[in-house]
Amino acid sequence: MKENSQKDQKKLLLIDDDPNLILLVKDYLEFRGYEVTTAENGREGLEILEKALPDMIICDVMMPEMDGYAFLSRLREDSRTSWIPFLFLSAKGQSQDRVKGLNTGADVYMVKPFEPEELVAQVESSLKQASRLRGHQSNQLEKSSTIQVPSNVELTPTELKVVSLVAIGMANRDIANKLNVSQRTIESHVSNMLNKTNLKNRTELARWVIEKNLV
């Protein structure tokens, strides 16, 4: 049986060059109540995004024409698509592969083969986190005026990933565990962003990226 009508409204973009996997995952997710659009590579995925934006993207890493890393980098550089939750689904399961995927901007990195129920759980978790972030954005905008920072400030994809987790209230230690890096590395990223923006603390930094819709 399909899930409730709210989930029926959730749209997923599934990108993979393996037609058998596309068929399997698409059928399973549609059975669970999601609307699924598919693409065979990153370039085709970008073409789909020009027409409509999904609630979440599930993507392979190694694909012809445009691989998952290049596709995700393009996604995170565009303010129109930078907020979309992103899950890598890859046969590359080494630690360095996971680190590269997460540092590029993925929210989740799953290794093939995988259990369909785990994939659904990760999708649901990512969508709930995105929903909480949007609610947090609304609350912050209602409570205070926009924080002013220099107009030429630009954050790197890694900094955007870190600050998106800061914005939902995660501590540096938890962010480090999620991204599989040291806490010192996260502290360095936060410090660099504070210096760039002339802001005083993590709270102001989180408010700024939320108000500017950078995450």
N, C-alpha and C. Protein backbone atom coordinates (compact mmCIF):
# COMPACT_ATOMS: atom_id res chain seq x y z
N MET A 1 0.84 -1.20 0.00
CA MET A 1 0.00 0.00 0.00
C MET A 1 0.88 1.24 0.00
N LYS A 2 0.44 2.28 -0.72
CA LYS A 2 1.20 3.52 -0.75
C LYS A 2 1.03 4.29 0.55
N GLU A 3 1.98 5.21 0.75
CA GLU A 3 1.94 6.01 1.96
C GLU A 3 0.88 7.10 1.81
N ASN A 4 0.83 8.03 2.78
CA ASN A 4 -0.21 9.04 2.77
C ASN A 4 -0.02 10.05 1.63
N SER A 5 -1.01 10.90 1.46
CA SER A 5 -1.03 11.82 0.33
C SER A 5 0.10 12.83 0.38
N GLN A 6 0.59 13.15 1.59
CA GLN A 6 1.69 14.11 1.68
C GLN A 6 2.93 13.57 0.99
N LYS A 7 3.22 12.29 1.20
CA LYS A 7 4.39 11.72 0.54
C LYS A 7 4.15 11.61 -0.96
N ASP A 8 2.88 11.40 -1.37
CA ASP A 8 2.58 11.30 -2.79
C ASP A 8 3.03 12.55 -3.54
N GLN A 9 3.10 13.66 -2.83
CA GLN A 9 3.48 14.93 -3.45
C GLN A 9 5.00 15.08 -3.57
N LYS A 10 5.76 14.25 -2.92
CA LYS A 10 7.21 14.38 -2.96
C LYS A 10 7.76 13.85 -4.28
N LYS A 11 8.57 14.68 -4.92
CA LYS A 11 9.12 14.32 -6.23
C LYS A 11 10.62 14.05 -6.10
N LEU A 12 11.05 12.91 -6.63
CA LEU A 12 12.46 12.52 -6.57
C LEU A 12 13.03 12.45 -7.98
N LEU A 13 14.29 12.85 -8.11
CA LEU A 13 15.02 12.69 -9.38
C LEU A 13 16.07 11.60 -9.16
N LEU A 14 16.00 10.53 -9.95
CA LEU A 14 16.90 9.38 -9.84
C LEU A 14 17.81 9.36 -11.07
N ILE A 15 19.14 9.43 -10.84
CA ILE A 15 20.09 9.51 -11.95
C ILE A 15 21.07 8.34 -11.85
N ASP A 16 21.09 7.48 -12.87
CA ASP A 16 21.98 6.33 -12.90
C ASP A 16 22.05 5.80 -14.33
N ASP A 17 23.21 5.30 -14.75
CA ASP A 17 23.34 4.80 -16.12
C ASP A 17 23.05 3.30 -16.22
N ASP A 18 22.66 2.68 -15.11
CA ASP A 18 22.31 1.26 -15.11
C ASP A 18 20.79 1.13 -15.21
N PRO A 19 20.26 0.71 -16.37
CA PRO A 19 18.80 0.65 -16.54
C PRO A 19 18.13 -0.33 -15.59
N ASN A 20 18.82 -1.40 -15.22
CA ASN A 20 18.22 -2.36 -14.29
C ASN A 20 18.05 -1.76 -12.90
N LEU A 21 19.08 -1.01 -12.45
CA LEU A 21 18.97 -0.36 -11.14
C LEU A 21 17.90 0.72 -11.18
N ILE A 22 17.86 1.50 -12.26
CA ILE A 22 16.84 2.54 -12.40
C ILE A 22 15.45 1.93 -12.25
N LEU A 23 15.22 0.82 -12.94
CA LEU A 23 13.91 0.17 -12.90
C LEU A 23 13.58 -0.32 -11.50
N LEU A 24 14.55 -0.96 -10.85
CA LEU A 24 14.34 -1.50 -9.51
C LEU A 24 14.03 -0.41 -8.50
N VAL A 25 14.90 0.61 -8.45
CA VAL A 25 14.74 1.68 -7.46
C VAL A 25 13.49 2.51 -7.74
N LYS A 26 13.24 2.81 -9.02
CA LYS A 26 12.07 3.60 -9.37
C LYS A 26 10.79 2.88 -8.94
N ASP A 27 10.70 1.60 -9.25
CA ASP A 27 9.51 0.83 -8.87
C ASP A 27 9.32 0.81 -7.36
N TYR A 28 10.42 0.62 -6.64
CA TYR A 28 10.32 0.52 -5.19
C TYR A 28 9.88 1.85 -4.57
N LEU A 29 10.48 2.95 -5.05
CA LEU A 29 10.13 4.26 -4.50
C LEU A 29 8.71 4.67 -4.88
N GLU A 30 8.31 4.34 -6.09
CA GLU A 30 6.93 4.66 -6.49
C GLU A 30 5.92 3.85 -5.69
N PHE A 31 6.29 2.60 -5.38
CA PHE A 31 5.42 1.77 -4.53
C PHE A 31 5.26 2.40 -3.15
N ARG A 32 6.32 3.08 -2.69
CA ARG A 32 6.27 3.73 -1.38
C ARG A 32 5.62 5.12 -1.43
N GLY A 33 5.13 5.51 -2.61
CA GLY A 33 4.33 6.72 -2.70
C GLY A 33 5.03 7.93 -3.28
N TYR A 34 6.26 7.80 -3.75
CA TYR A 34 6.99 8.94 -4.33
C TYR A 34 6.76 9.02 -5.84
N GLU A 35 6.86 10.23 -6.36
CA GLU A 35 6.85 10.43 -7.81
C GLU A 35 8.31 10.50 -8.27
N VAL A 36 8.72 9.63 -9.18
CA VAL A 36 10.13 9.50 -9.55
C VAL A 36 10.35 9.83 -11.03
N THR A 37 11.25 10.77 -11.28
CA THR A 37 11.72 11.08 -12.63
C THR A 37 13.14 10.54 -12.76
N THR A 38 13.52 10.02 -13.93
CA THR A 38 14.83 9.39 -14.08
C THR A 38 15.67 10.06 -15.16
N ALA A 39 16.99 9.93 -15.01
CA ALA A 39 17.95 10.42 -16.00
C ALA A 39 19.12 9.45 -16.04
N GLU A 40 19.85 9.42 -17.17
CA GLU A 40 20.94 8.46 -17.34
C GLU A 40 22.30 9.03 -16.98
N ASN A 41 22.43 10.34 -16.86
CA ASN A 41 23.71 10.95 -16.48
C ASN A 41 23.46 12.37 -15.98
N GLY A 42 24.52 13.00 -15.49
CA GLY A 42 24.38 14.32 -14.91
C GLY A 42 23.90 15.37 -15.88
N ARG A 43 24.35 15.30 -17.13
CA ARG A 43 23.94 16.30 -18.11
C ARG A 43 22.43 16.23 -18.36
N GLU A 44 21.92 14.99 -18.47
CA GLU A 44 20.47 14.83 -18.64
C GLU A 44 19.74 15.30 -17.39
N GLY A 45 20.36 15.09 -16.22
CA GLY A 45 19.77 15.57 -14.97
C GLY A 45 19.63 17.08 -14.95
N LEU A 46 20.66 17.80 -15.43
CA LEU A 46 20.60 19.25 -15.47
C LEU A 46 19.49 19.74 -16.39
N GLU A 47 19.30 19.03 -17.49
CA GLU A 47 18.22 19.40 -18.42
C GLU A 47 16.85 19.26 -17.75
N ILE A 48 16.69 18.23 -16.96
CA ILE A 48 15.43 18.03 -16.24
C ILE A 48 15.22 19.14 -15.22
N LEU A 49 16.30 19.54 -14.53
CA LEU A 49 16.19 20.59 -13.51
C LEU A 49 15.84 21.94 -14.10
N GLU A 50 16.12 22.15 -15.38
CA GLU A 50 15.74 23.40 -16.03
C GLU A 50 14.22 23.53 -16.10
N LYS A 51 13.53 22.41 -16.12
CA LYS A 51 12.07 22.41 -16.30
C LYS A 51 11.33 22.36 -14.96
N ALA A 52 11.86 21.60 -14.01
CA ALA A 52 11.19 21.45 -12.72
C ALA A 52 12.19 20.99 -11.67
N LEU A 53 11.97 21.39 -10.41
CA LEU A 53 12.87 21.02 -9.33
C LEU A 53 12.24 19.93 -8.46
N PRO A 54 12.98 18.87 -8.18
CA PRO A 54 12.48 17.81 -7.30
C PRO A 54 12.67 18.17 -5.84
N ASP A 55 12.07 17.38 -4.97
CA ASP A 55 12.27 17.56 -3.53
C ASP A 55 13.59 16.95 -3.07
N MET A 56 14.14 15.99 -3.87
CA MET A 56 15.39 15.32 -3.51
C MET A 56 15.96 14.65 -4.75
N ILE A 57 17.29 14.46 -4.75
CA ILE A 57 17.97 13.81 -5.87
C ILE A 57 18.75 12.60 -5.36
N ILE A 58 18.61 11.48 -6.06
CA ILE A 58 19.40 10.27 -5.79
C ILE A 58 20.26 10.04 -7.03
N CYS A 59 21.57 9.91 -6.85
CA CYS A 59 22.47 9.94 -8.01
C CYS A 59 23.63 8.96 -7.88
N ASP A 60 23.97 8.32 -8.99
CA ASP A 60 25.16 7.49 -9.08
C ASP A 60 26.39 8.39 -9.14
N VAL A 61 27.57 7.83 -8.92
CA VAL A 61 28.82 8.61 -9.02
C VAL A 61 29.43 8.46 -10.41
N MET A 62 29.72 7.23 -10.82
CA MET A 62 30.39 7.00 -12.10
C MET A 62 29.37 6.86 -13.23
N MET A 63 29.32 7.90 -14.09
CA MET A 63 28.39 7.90 -15.22
C MET A 63 29.06 8.56 -16.42
N PRO A 64 28.65 8.23 -17.64
CA PRO A 64 29.22 8.87 -18.83
C PRO A 64 28.75 10.32 -18.97
N GLU A 65 29.48 11.08 -19.79
CA GLU A 65 29.16 12.48 -20.12
C GLU A 65 29.36 13.44 -18.95
N MET A 66 28.66 13.22 -17.85
CA MET A 66 28.86 14.03 -16.65
C MET A 66 28.65 13.14 -15.43
N ASP A 67 29.73 12.94 -14.63
CA ASP A 67 29.60 12.06 -13.48
C ASP A 67 28.90 12.76 -12.32
N GLY A 68 28.69 12.00 -11.25
CA GLY A 68 27.95 12.53 -10.11
C GLY A 68 28.63 13.69 -9.42
N TYR A 69 29.96 13.66 -9.32
CA TYR A 69 30.67 14.76 -8.67
C TYR A 69 30.48 16.07 -9.42
N ALA A 70 30.65 16.03 -10.74
CA ALA A 70 30.50 17.24 -11.55
C ALA A 70 29.06 17.74 -11.49
N PHE A 71 28.12 16.82 -11.53
CA PHE A 71 26.71 17.20 -11.46
C PHE A 71 26.39 17.87 -10.13
N LEU A 72 26.86 17.29 -9.03
CA LEU A 72 26.57 17.84 -7.70
C LEU A 72 27.24 19.20 -7.52
N SER A 73 28.45 19.36 -8.04
CA SER A 73 29.13 20.66 -7.94
C SER A 73 28.31 21.74 -8.64
N ARG A 74 27.79 21.42 -9.83
CA ARG A 74 26.94 22.37 -10.55
C ARG A 74 25.69 22.70 -9.74
N LEU A 75 25.16 21.68 -9.12
CA LEU A 75 23.94 21.84 -8.32
C LEU A 75 24.16 22.80 -7.16
N ARG A 76 25.26 22.59 -6.44
CA ARG A 76 25.52 23.39 -5.23
C ARG A 76 25.96 24.82 -5.57
N GLU A 77 26.47 25.05 -6.76
CA GLU A 77 26.90 26.39 -7.15
C GLU A 77 25.74 27.28 -7.57
N ASP A 78 24.58 26.69 -7.85
CA ASP A 78 23.41 27.43 -8.34
C ASP A 78 22.44 27.62 -7.18
N SER A 79 22.14 28.87 -6.83
CA SER A 79 21.25 29.15 -5.71
C SER A 79 19.85 28.56 -5.93
N ARG A 80 19.47 28.36 -7.18
CA ARG A 80 18.16 27.78 -7.49
C ARG A 80 18.07 26.31 -7.07
N THR A 81 19.20 25.61 -7.08
CA THR A 81 19.21 24.17 -6.79
C THR A 81 20.07 23.79 -5.58
N SER A 82 20.76 24.74 -4.98
CA SER A 82 21.74 24.42 -3.93
C SER A 82 21.10 23.80 -2.69
N TRP A 83 19.80 24.03 -2.49
CA TRP A 83 19.11 23.56 -1.28
C TRP A 83 18.64 22.12 -1.38
N ILE A 84 18.63 21.53 -2.58
CA ILE A 84 17.99 20.23 -2.79
C ILE A 84 18.76 19.12 -2.06
N PRO A 85 18.10 18.34 -1.20
CA PRO A 85 18.76 17.20 -0.55
C PRO A 85 19.31 16.24 -1.61
N PHE A 86 20.51 15.69 -1.35
CA PHE A 86 21.21 14.89 -2.37
C PHE A 86 21.77 13.63 -1.74
N LEU A 87 21.48 12.48 -2.38
CA LEU A 87 21.97 11.18 -1.90
C LEU A 87 22.80 10.52 -3.00
N PHE A 88 24.06 10.22 -2.70
CA PHE A 88 24.89 9.45 -3.63
C PHE A 88 24.62 7.97 -3.42
N LEU A 89 24.44 7.25 -4.52
CA LEU A 89 24.24 5.80 -4.51
C LEU A 89 25.32 5.22 -5.41
N SER A 90 26.38 4.63 -4.80
CA SER A 90 27.57 4.30 -5.59
C SER A 90 28.15 2.95 -5.22
N ALA A 91 28.82 2.33 -6.21
CA ALA A 91 29.56 1.09 -5.95
C ALA A 91 30.92 1.38 -5.33
N LYS A 92 31.33 2.65 -5.34
CA LYS A 92 32.62 3.06 -4.77
C LYS A 92 32.44 3.25 -3.27
N GLY A 93 32.96 2.29 -2.49
CA GLY A 93 32.67 2.28 -1.07
C GLY A 93 33.84 2.54 -0.14
N GLN A 94 34.99 2.93 -0.69
CA GLN A 94 36.15 3.22 0.16
C GLN A 94 35.92 4.50 0.96
N SER A 95 36.65 4.64 2.06
CA SER A 95 36.50 5.82 2.92
C SER A 95 36.73 7.11 2.15
N GLN A 96 37.77 7.11 1.28
CA GLN A 96 38.06 8.33 0.54
C GLN A 96 36.95 8.69 -0.44
N ASP A 97 36.23 7.67 -0.94
CA ASP A 97 35.10 7.92 -1.83
C ASP A 97 33.96 8.59 -1.07
N ARG A 98 33.69 8.08 0.13
CA ARG A 98 32.64 8.68 0.96
C ARG A 98 32.99 10.13 1.31
N VAL A 99 34.24 10.35 1.70
CA VAL A 99 34.68 11.70 2.08
C VAL A 99 34.54 12.66 0.90
N LYS A 100 34.97 12.21 -0.28
CA LYS A 100 34.87 13.06 -1.47
C LYS A 100 33.41 13.39 -1.78
N GLY A 101 32.55 12.39 -1.69
CA GLY A 101 31.14 12.61 -1.97
C GLY A 101 30.51 13.60 -1.01
N LEU A 102 30.79 13.45 0.28
CA LEU A 102 30.22 14.35 1.28
C LEU A 102 30.81 15.74 1.17
N ASN A 103 32.12 15.83 0.92
CA ASN A 103 32.75 17.14 0.78
C ASN A 103 32.30 17.87 -0.48
N THR A 104 31.89 17.12 -1.49
CA THR A 104 31.37 17.75 -2.70
C THR A 104 30.01 18.39 -2.43
N GLY A 105 29.31 17.88 -1.41
CA GLY A 105 28.03 18.48 -1.06
C GLY A 105 26.88 17.52 -0.87
N ALA A 106 27.16 16.20 -0.91
CA ALA A 106 26.09 15.22 -0.71
C ALA A 106 25.64 15.21 0.76
N ASP A 107 24.37 14.94 0.97
CA ASP A 107 23.84 14.81 2.32
C ASP A 107 23.99 13.39 2.84
N VAL A 108 23.92 12.42 1.93
CA VAL A 108 24.02 11.00 2.28
C VAL A 108 24.86 10.29 1.22
N TYR A 109 25.65 9.31 1.65
CA TYR A 109 26.43 8.48 0.71
C TYR A 109 26.14 7.02 1.02
N MET A 110 25.44 6.33 0.13
CA MET A 110 25.13 4.92 0.29
C MET A 110 25.90 4.09 -0.72
N VAL A 111 26.30 2.89 -0.31
CA VAL A 111 27.10 2.02 -1.16
C VAL A 111 26.25 0.88 -1.71
N LYS A 112 26.40 0.60 -3.00
CA LYS A 112 25.75 -0.55 -3.63
C LYS A 112 26.56 -1.81 -3.30
N PRO A 113 25.94 -2.97 -3.13
CA PRO A 113 24.49 -3.16 -3.07
C PRO A 113 23.91 -2.62 -1.76
N PHE A 114 22.63 -2.32 -1.75
CA PHE A 114 22.00 -1.71 -0.59
C PHE A 114 20.65 -2.37 -0.35
N GLU A 115 20.13 -2.17 0.84
CA GLU A 115 18.81 -2.67 1.17
C GLU A 115 17.79 -1.59 0.81
N PRO A 116 16.76 -1.92 0.03
CA PRO A 116 15.76 -0.92 -0.36
C PRO A 116 15.15 -0.18 0.82
N GLU A 117 14.92 -0.89 1.93
CA GLU A 117 14.32 -0.24 3.09
C GLU A 117 15.25 0.82 3.66
N GLU A 118 16.57 0.57 3.61
CA GLU A 118 17.52 1.57 4.10
C GLU A 118 17.50 2.80 3.20
N LEU A 119 17.40 2.57 1.89
CA LEU A 119 17.32 3.71 0.96
C LEU A 119 16.09 4.56 1.27
N VAL A 120 14.95 3.92 1.46
CA VAL A 120 13.73 4.66 1.78
C VAL A 120 13.90 5.43 3.09
N ALA A 121 14.52 4.81 4.08
CA ALA A 121 14.74 5.47 5.38
C ALA A 121 15.63 6.70 5.21
N GLN A 122 16.67 6.58 4.39
CA GLN A 122 17.56 7.72 4.16
C GLN A 122 16.84 8.84 3.41
N VAL A 123 16.01 8.48 2.44
CA VAL A 123 15.23 9.48 1.71
C VAL A 123 14.29 10.21 2.67
N GLU A 124 13.57 9.46 3.48
CA GLU A 124 12.63 10.06 4.42
C GLU A 124 13.35 10.96 5.42
N SER A 125 14.51 10.51 5.92
CA SER A 125 15.27 11.30 6.88
C SER A 125 15.74 12.61 6.25
N SER A 126 16.24 12.55 5.02
CA SER A 126 16.72 13.75 4.34
C SER A 126 15.60 14.74 4.07
N LEU A 127 14.44 14.23 3.68
CA LEU A 127 13.30 15.11 3.41
C LEU A 127 12.79 15.77 4.71
N LYS A 128 12.81 15.02 5.80
CA LYS A 128 12.39 15.59 7.08
C LYS A 128 13.37 16.66 7.54
N GLN A 129 14.67 16.42 7.33
CA GLN A 129 15.67 17.41 7.72
C GLN A 129 15.49 18.69 6.90
N ALA A 130 15.23 18.53 5.61
CA ALA A 130 15.01 19.70 4.75
C ALA A 130 13.77 20.47 5.20
N SER A 131 12.74 19.75 5.62
CA SER A 131 11.52 20.39 6.10
C SER A 131 11.78 21.16 7.39
N ARG A 132 12.58 20.56 8.29
CA ARG A 132 12.91 21.26 9.54
C ARG A 132 13.70 22.52 9.26
N LEU A 133 14.61 22.45 8.29
CA LEU A 133 15.42 23.61 7.95
C LEU A 133 14.56 24.75 7.41
N ARG A 134 13.58 24.39 6.54
CA ARG A 134 12.69 25.42 6.01
C ARG A 134 11.88 26.06 7.13
N GLY A 135 11.43 25.24 8.11
CA GLY A 135 10.71 25.79 9.25
C GLY A 135 11.59 26.69 10.08
N HIS A 136 12.85 26.30 10.25
CA HIS A 136 13.81 27.11 10.99
C HIS A 136 14.04 28.44 10.27
N GLN A 137 14.12 28.41 8.96
CA GLN A 137 14.29 29.62 8.17
C GLN A 137 13.15 30.59 8.43
N SER A 138 11.93 30.07 8.40
CA SER A 138 10.76 30.92 8.60
C SER A 138 10.77 31.54 9.99
N ASN A 139 11.10 30.75 11.01
CA ASN A 139 11.12 31.26 12.37
C ASN A 139 12.16 32.35 12.55
N GLN A 140 13.34 32.13 11.96
CA GLN A 140 14.41 33.12 12.11
C GLN A 140 14.05 34.42 11.41
N LEU A 141 13.43 34.33 10.26
CA LEU A 141 13.06 35.53 9.52
C LEU A 141 12.00 36.32 10.27
N GLU A 142 11.13 35.64 10.98
CA GLU A 142 10.09 36.31 11.73
C GLU A 142 10.64 36.99 12.98
N LYS A 143 11.68 36.40 13.56
CA LYS A 143 12.16 36.88 14.85
C LYS A 143 13.12 38.07 14.75
N SER A 144 13.83 38.20 13.66
CA SER A 144 14.87 39.22 13.62
C SER A 144 15.07 39.78 12.22
N SER A 145 15.72 40.91 12.18
CA SER A 145 16.01 41.54 10.89
C SER A 145 17.18 40.83 10.23
N THR A 146 17.36 41.09 8.93
CA THR A 146 18.42 40.45 8.17
C THR A 146 19.79 40.92 8.65
N ILE A 147 20.70 39.98 8.81
CA ILE A 147 22.08 40.32 9.18
C ILE A 147 22.82 40.84 7.96
N GLN A 148 23.58 41.88 8.15
CA GLN A 148 24.32 42.49 7.04
C GLN A 148 25.76 41.97 7.01
N VAL A 149 26.19 41.55 5.84
CA VAL A 149 27.59 41.13 5.64
C VAL A 149 28.07 41.74 4.33
N PRO A 150 29.38 41.74 4.08
CA PRO A 150 29.89 42.27 2.80
C PRO A 150 29.22 41.59 1.61
N SER A 151 28.91 42.37 0.58
CA SER A 151 28.16 41.85 -0.56
C SER A 151 28.95 40.87 -1.42
N ASN A 152 30.27 40.88 -1.30
CA ASN A 152 31.10 40.03 -2.17
C ASN A 152 31.50 38.71 -1.51
N VAL A 153 30.87 38.35 -0.40
CA VAL A 153 31.22 37.11 0.30
C VAL A 153 30.77 35.91 -0.52
N GLU A 154 31.68 34.94 -0.70
CA GLU A 154 31.35 33.70 -1.38
C GLU A 154 31.85 32.53 -0.53
N LEU A 155 31.00 31.53 -0.34
CA LEU A 155 31.37 30.34 0.40
C LEU A 155 31.68 29.20 -0.56
N THR A 156 32.65 28.38 -0.20
CA THR A 156 32.99 27.21 -1.01
C THR A 156 31.93 26.14 -0.82
N PRO A 157 31.86 25.14 -1.73
CA PRO A 157 30.89 24.04 -1.55
C PRO A 157 31.04 23.35 -0.20
N THR A 158 32.28 23.16 0.26
CA THR A 158 32.49 22.51 1.56
C THR A 158 31.97 23.40 2.69
N GLU A 159 32.23 24.71 2.60
CA GLU A 159 31.74 25.63 3.63
C GLU A 159 30.21 25.64 3.65
N LEU A 160 29.60 25.59 2.47
CA LEU A 160 28.13 25.56 2.41
C LEU A 160 27.59 24.30 3.08
N LYS A 161 28.29 23.18 2.87
CA LYS A 161 27.87 21.93 3.50
C LYS A 161 27.97 22.05 5.02
N VAL A 162 29.07 22.59 5.51
CA VAL A 162 29.27 22.73 6.95
C VAL A 162 28.23 23.67 7.55
N VAL A 163 28.03 24.83 6.91
CA VAL A 163 27.12 25.83 7.50
C VAL A 163 25.67 25.38 7.42
N SER A 164 25.33 24.51 6.46
CA SER A 164 23.97 23.98 6.41
C SER A 164 23.68 23.13 7.64
N LEU A 165 24.71 22.43 8.12
CA LEU A 165 24.56 21.61 9.32
C LEU A 165 24.59 22.48 10.59
N VAL A 166 25.39 23.55 10.55
CA VAL A 166 25.37 24.52 11.65
C VAL A 166 23.96 25.11 11.78
N ALA A 167 23.35 25.39 10.63
CA ALA A 167 22.05 26.06 10.62
C ALA A 167 20.93 25.22 11.23
N ILE A 168 21.09 23.89 11.23
CA ILE A 168 20.05 23.04 11.84
C ILE A 168 20.42 22.64 13.27
N GLY A 169 21.47 23.30 13.80
CA GLY A 169 21.79 23.13 15.21
C GLY A 169 22.80 22.07 15.56
N MET A 170 23.51 21.51 14.57
CA MET A 170 24.49 20.47 14.86
C MET A 170 25.77 21.08 15.43
N ALA A 171 26.36 20.43 16.43
CA ALA A 171 27.62 20.86 17.01
C ALA A 171 28.78 20.49 16.09
N ASN A 172 29.92 21.15 16.28
CA ASN A 172 31.09 20.89 15.44
C ASN A 172 31.50 19.42 15.48
N ARG A 173 31.43 18.82 16.66
CA ARG A 173 31.82 17.41 16.80
C ARG A 173 30.90 16.52 15.96
N ASP A 174 29.60 16.79 16.00
CA ASP A 174 28.65 15.98 15.23
C ASP A 174 28.82 16.20 13.74
N ILE A 175 29.10 17.44 13.35
CA ILE A 175 29.34 17.73 11.93
C ILE A 175 30.59 16.98 11.46
N ALA A 176 31.63 16.97 12.28
CA ALA A 176 32.87 16.27 11.93
C ALA A 176 32.62 14.78 11.74
N ASN A 177 31.81 14.19 12.63
CA ASN A 177 31.49 12.76 12.50
C ASN A 177 30.70 12.49 11.23
N LYS A 178 29.75 13.36 10.91
CA LYS A 178 28.92 13.17 9.72
C LYS A 178 29.75 13.26 8.45
N LEU A 179 30.69 14.20 8.42
CA LEU A 179 31.50 14.42 7.22
C LEU A 179 32.79 13.60 7.22
N ASN A 180 33.01 12.84 8.31
CA ASN A 180 34.18 11.98 8.41
C ASN A 180 35.49 12.76 8.33
N VAL A 181 35.53 13.89 9.03
CA VAL A 181 36.75 14.69 9.13
C VAL A 181 36.97 15.02 10.60
N SER A 182 38.07 15.69 10.91
CA SER A 182 38.36 16.02 12.30
C SER A 182 37.53 17.23 12.75
N GLN A 183 37.32 17.30 14.07
CA GLN A 183 36.61 18.46 14.62
C GLN A 183 37.40 19.73 14.36
N ARG A 184 38.72 19.63 14.38
CA ARG A 184 39.56 20.79 14.12
C ARG A 184 39.32 21.34 12.71
N THR A 185 39.10 20.44 11.74
CA THR A 185 38.82 20.87 10.37
C THR A 185 37.51 21.66 10.31
N ILE A 186 36.49 21.17 11.01
CA ILE A 186 35.20 21.88 11.03
C ILE A 186 35.36 23.24 11.71
N GLU A 187 36.08 23.28 12.81
CA GLU A 187 36.31 24.56 13.50
C GLU A 187 37.03 25.55 12.59
N SER A 188 37.96 25.04 11.79
CA SER A 188 38.67 25.90 10.86
C SER A 188 37.72 26.47 9.79
N HIS A 189 36.82 25.61 9.27
CA HIS A 189 35.84 26.09 8.28
C HIS A 189 34.94 27.16 8.88
N VAL A 190 34.46 26.93 10.09
CA VAL A 190 33.57 27.90 10.74
C VAL A 190 34.31 29.22 10.97
N SER A 191 35.56 29.13 11.44
CA SER A 191 36.36 30.32 11.68
C SER A 191 36.58 31.11 10.39
N ASN A 192 36.86 30.40 9.30
CA ASN A 192 37.06 31.06 8.01
C ASN A 192 35.80 31.78 7.57
N MET A 193 34.65 31.15 7.76
CA MET A 193 33.39 31.77 7.35
C MET A 193 33.06 33.00 8.21
N LEU A 194 33.38 32.93 9.50
CA LEU A 194 33.17 34.09 10.37
C LEU A 194 34.06 35.26 9.94
N ASN A 195 35.29 34.95 9.55
CA ASN A 195 36.20 36.00 9.09
C ASN A 195 35.72 36.61 7.78
N LYS A 196 35.22 35.76 6.87
CA LYS A 196 34.72 36.26 5.59
C LYS A 196 33.53 37.20 5.75
N THR A 197 32.64 36.83 6.68
CA THR A 197 31.37 37.55 6.82
C THR A 197 31.39 38.65 7.87
N ASN A 198 32.46 38.70 8.68
CA ASN A 198 32.55 39.67 9.78
C ASN A 198 31.45 39.45 10.83
N LEU A 199 30.97 38.22 10.93
CA LEU A 199 29.96 37.90 11.93
C LEU A 199 30.63 37.45 13.22
N LYS A 200 29.87 37.48 14.32
CA LYS A 200 30.46 37.27 15.63
C LYS A 200 30.47 35.81 16.08
N ASN A 201 29.48 35.03 15.66
CA ASN A 201 29.36 33.67 16.19
C ASN A 201 28.59 32.77 15.23
N ARG A 202 28.49 31.49 15.62
CA ARG A 202 27.80 30.49 14.79
C ARG A 202 26.32 30.84 14.59
N THR A 203 25.69 31.40 15.62
CA THR A 203 24.27 31.74 15.52
C THR A 203 24.03 32.78 14.43
N GLU A 204 24.85 33.81 14.42
CA GLU A 204 24.71 34.85 13.39
C GLU A 204 25.03 34.28 12.02
N LEU A 205 26.01 33.38 11.95
CA LEU A 205 26.37 32.76 10.67
C LEU A 205 25.19 31.94 10.14
N ALA A 206 24.57 31.17 11.02
CA ALA A 206 23.41 30.36 10.61
C ALA A 206 22.26 31.26 10.15
N ARG A 207 22.00 32.32 10.89
CA ARG A 207 20.94 33.25 10.50
C ARG A 207 21.21 33.85 9.13
N TRP A 208 22.45 34.21 8.87
CA TRP A 208 22.78 34.85 7.59
C TRP A 208 22.53 33.91 6.41
N VAL A 209 23.03 32.67 6.49
CA VAL A 209 22.85 31.75 5.35
C VAL A 209 21.39 31.37 5.15
N ILE A 210 20.63 31.32 6.25
CA ILE A 210 19.21 31.02 6.14
C ILE A 210 18.48 32.18 5.46
N GLU A 211 18.75 33.40 5.92
CA GLU A 211 18.06 34.57 5.36
C GLU A 211 18.43 34.79 3.89
N LYS A 212 19.66 34.42 3.53
CA LYS A 212 20.10 34.58 2.15
C LYS A 212 19.74 33.38 1.29
N ASN A 213 19.11 32.36 1.92
CA ASN A 213 18.70 31.15 1.19
C ASN A 213 19.90 30.47 0.54
N LEU A 214 21.02 30.41 1.24
CA LEU A 214 22.22 29.79 0.71
C LEU A 214 22.25 28.31 0.99
N VAL A 215 21.40 27.81 1.88
CA VAL A 215 21.37 26.38 2.19
C VAL A 215 19.94 25.88 2.11
